[in-house]
Structures are given as C-alpha cells and as structure tokens.
C-alpha atoms as a PDB file:
ATOM      1  CA  MET A   1       8.495 -39.225 -28.022  1.00  0.00           C
ATOM      2  CA  SER A   2      12.277 -39.216 -28.420  1.00  0.00           C
ATOM      3  CA  SER A   3      14.218 -42.341 -29.282  1.00  0.00           C
ATOM      4  CA  GLY A   4      15.352 -42.814 -25.654  1.00  0.00           C
ATOM      5  CA  GLU A   5      11.866 -42.724 -24.138  1.00  0.00           C
ATOM      6  CA  ARG A   6       9.812 -45.823 -23.485  1.00  0.00           C
ATOM      7  CA  PRO A   7       6.065 -45.870 -24.158  1.00  0.00           C
ATOM      8  CA  LEU A   8       4.179 -44.956 -20.984  1.00  0.00           C
ATOM      9  CA  GLN A   9       2.558 -48.389 -20.726  1.00  0.00           C
ATOM     10  CA  ASP A  10       6.057 -49.921 -20.463  1.00  0.00           C
ATOM     11  CA  VAL A  11       7.143 -47.719 -17.539  1.00  0.00           C
ATOM     12  CA  VAL A  12       7.289 -49.479 -14.170  1.00  0.00           C
ATOM     13  CA  PHE A  13       6.289 -47.186 -11.307  1.00  0.00           C
ATOM     14  CA  LEU A  14       7.336 -47.747  -7.696  1.00  0.00           C
ATOM     15  CA  THR A  15       5.691 -46.514  -4.507  1.00  0.00           C
ATOM     16  CA  VAL A  16       7.642 -44.405  -2.045  1.00  0.00           C
ATOM     17  CA  ALA A  17       7.953 -47.456   0.234  1.00  0.00           C
ATOM     18  CA  GLU A  18       9.334 -49.555  -2.635  1.00  0.00           C
ATOM     19  CA  VAL A  19      11.839 -46.836  -3.562  1.00  0.00           C
ATOM     20  CA  ALA A  20      12.930 -46.595   0.080  1.00  0.00           C
ATOM     21  CA  SER A  21      13.446 -50.355   0.152  1.00  0.00           C
ATOM     22  CA  VAL A  22      15.498 -50.373  -3.072  1.00  0.00           C
ATOM     23  CA  MET A  23      17.639 -47.451  -1.906  1.00  0.00           C
ATOM     24  CA  ARG A  24      17.858 -48.709   1.706  1.00  0.00           C
ATOM     25  CA  VAL A  25      16.715 -45.327   3.071  1.00  0.00           C
ATOM     26  CA  SER A  26      13.668 -44.084   4.962  1.00  0.00           C
ATOM     27  CA  LYS A  27      10.447 -43.043   3.241  1.00  0.00           C
ATOM     28  CA  MET A  28      11.088 -39.505   4.521  1.00  0.00           C
ATOM     29  CA  THR A  29      14.375 -39.425   2.593  1.00  0.00           C
ATOM     30  CA  VAL A  30      12.531 -40.435  -0.584  1.00  0.00           C
ATOM     31  CA  TYR A  31       9.936 -37.692   0.009  1.00  0.00           C
ATOM     32  CA  ARG A  32      12.756 -35.159   0.433  1.00  0.00           C
ATOM     33  CA  LEU A  33      14.350 -36.258  -2.847  1.00  0.00           C
ATOM     34  CA  VAL A  34      11.000 -35.995  -4.644  1.00  0.00           C
ATOM     35  CA  HIS A  35      10.140 -32.579  -3.183  1.00  0.00           C
ATOM     36  CA  SER A  36      13.608 -31.188  -3.952  1.00  0.00           C
ATOM     37  CA  GLY A  37      13.304 -32.346  -7.565  1.00  0.00           C
ATOM     38  CA  GLU A  38      16.303 -34.681  -7.338  1.00  0.00           C
ATOM     39  CA  LEU A  39      14.092 -37.719  -7.948  1.00  0.00           C
ATOM     40  CA  PRO A  40      11.343 -37.294 -10.579  1.00  0.00           C
ATOM     41  CA  ALA A  41       7.900 -38.560  -9.581  1.00  0.00           C
ATOM     42  CA  ILE A  42       4.270 -38.257 -10.545  1.00  0.00           C
ATOM     43  CA  ARG A  43       1.421 -37.642  -8.167  1.00  0.00           C
ATOM     44  CA  VAL A  44      -1.465 -40.119  -8.149  1.00  0.00           C
ATOM     45  CA  GLY A  45      -4.149 -38.825  -5.836  1.00  0.00           C
ATOM     46  CA  ARG A  46      -2.361 -38.111  -2.574  1.00  0.00           C
ATOM     47  CA  SER A  47       0.599 -40.406  -3.201  1.00  0.00           C
ATOM     48  CA  PHE A  48       3.688 -40.355  -5.388  1.00  0.00           C
ATOM     49  CA  ARG A  49       4.905 -42.882  -7.930  1.00  0.00           C
ATOM     50  CA  VAL A  50       8.499 -42.934  -9.103  1.00  0.00           C
ATOM     51  CA  PRO A  51       9.598 -44.500 -12.398  1.00  0.00           C
ATOM     52  CA  GLU A  52      11.889 -47.442 -11.605  1.00  0.00           C
ATOM     53  CA  LYS A  53      14.421 -46.282 -14.206  1.00  0.00           C
ATOM     54  CA  GLU A  54      14.717 -42.899 -12.447  1.00  0.00           C
ATOM     55  CA  VAL A  55      15.616 -44.639  -9.179  1.00  0.00           C
ATOM     56  CA  HIS A  56      18.351 -46.667 -10.880  1.00  0.00           C
ATOM     57  CA  ASP A  57      19.604 -43.588 -12.764  1.00  0.00           C
ATOM     58  CA  TYR A  58      19.733 -41.585  -9.524  1.00  0.00           C
ATOM     59  CA  LEU A  59      21.715 -44.310  -7.768  1.00  0.00           C
ATOM     60  CA  LYS A  60      24.092 -44.666 -10.717  1.00  0.00           C
ATOM     61  CA  GLU A  61      24.626 -40.892 -10.853  1.00  0.00           C
ATOM     62  CA  SER A  62      25.244 -40.708  -7.102  1.00  0.00           C
ATOM     63  CA  TYR A  63      27.759 -43.546  -7.257  1.00  0.00           C
ATOM     64  CA  VAL A  64      29.686 -41.878 -10.078  1.00  0.00           C
ATOM     65  CA  ARG A  65      29.770 -38.571  -8.207  1.00  0.00           C
ATOM     66  CA  LEU A  66      31.209 -40.274  -5.127  1.00  0.00           C
ATOM     67  CA  GLN A  67      33.843 -42.098  -7.164  1.00  0.00           C
ATOM     68  CA  SER A  68      35.038 -38.911  -8.860  1.00  0.00           C
ATOM     69  CA  ALA A  69      35.194 -36.880  -5.625  1.00  0.00           C
END
C-alpha cells in the first residue's frame, strides 16, 4: 500500500443511487461513467459500489477542467 492509500476497511463505498444523488445526475449517467472507466467502481454481485473519495475526486477534476477551458 502506498502512502496515499487508505486501508480498505476505512474506504466508504457508495451505491449508484447515492452517487447519482451526490452528483445530481441520473443513475444511468453514473453507470455510463463506470462503464467508460471515468469513475472507478467495484462490482459486488450484480451491483456496483463506488469509493466516495473517487466521486469527490471526479467532481473536483471536472470542475478544474471547466475552469481552465
């Protein structure tokens, strides 16, 4: 584990519905982001879980890209 990684037990995972709520988008948009690889996720059975930090990082990255455009 690198110095920037948190132990797995400390990672907070969100459902697709929770991610959609945080991002104010549809669940289909979240699925598209996951399937395209833009938003990292793990598969648990038939559903996906997204690390909360990845959602915040994605939003931060998107905001910066818009500001610099």
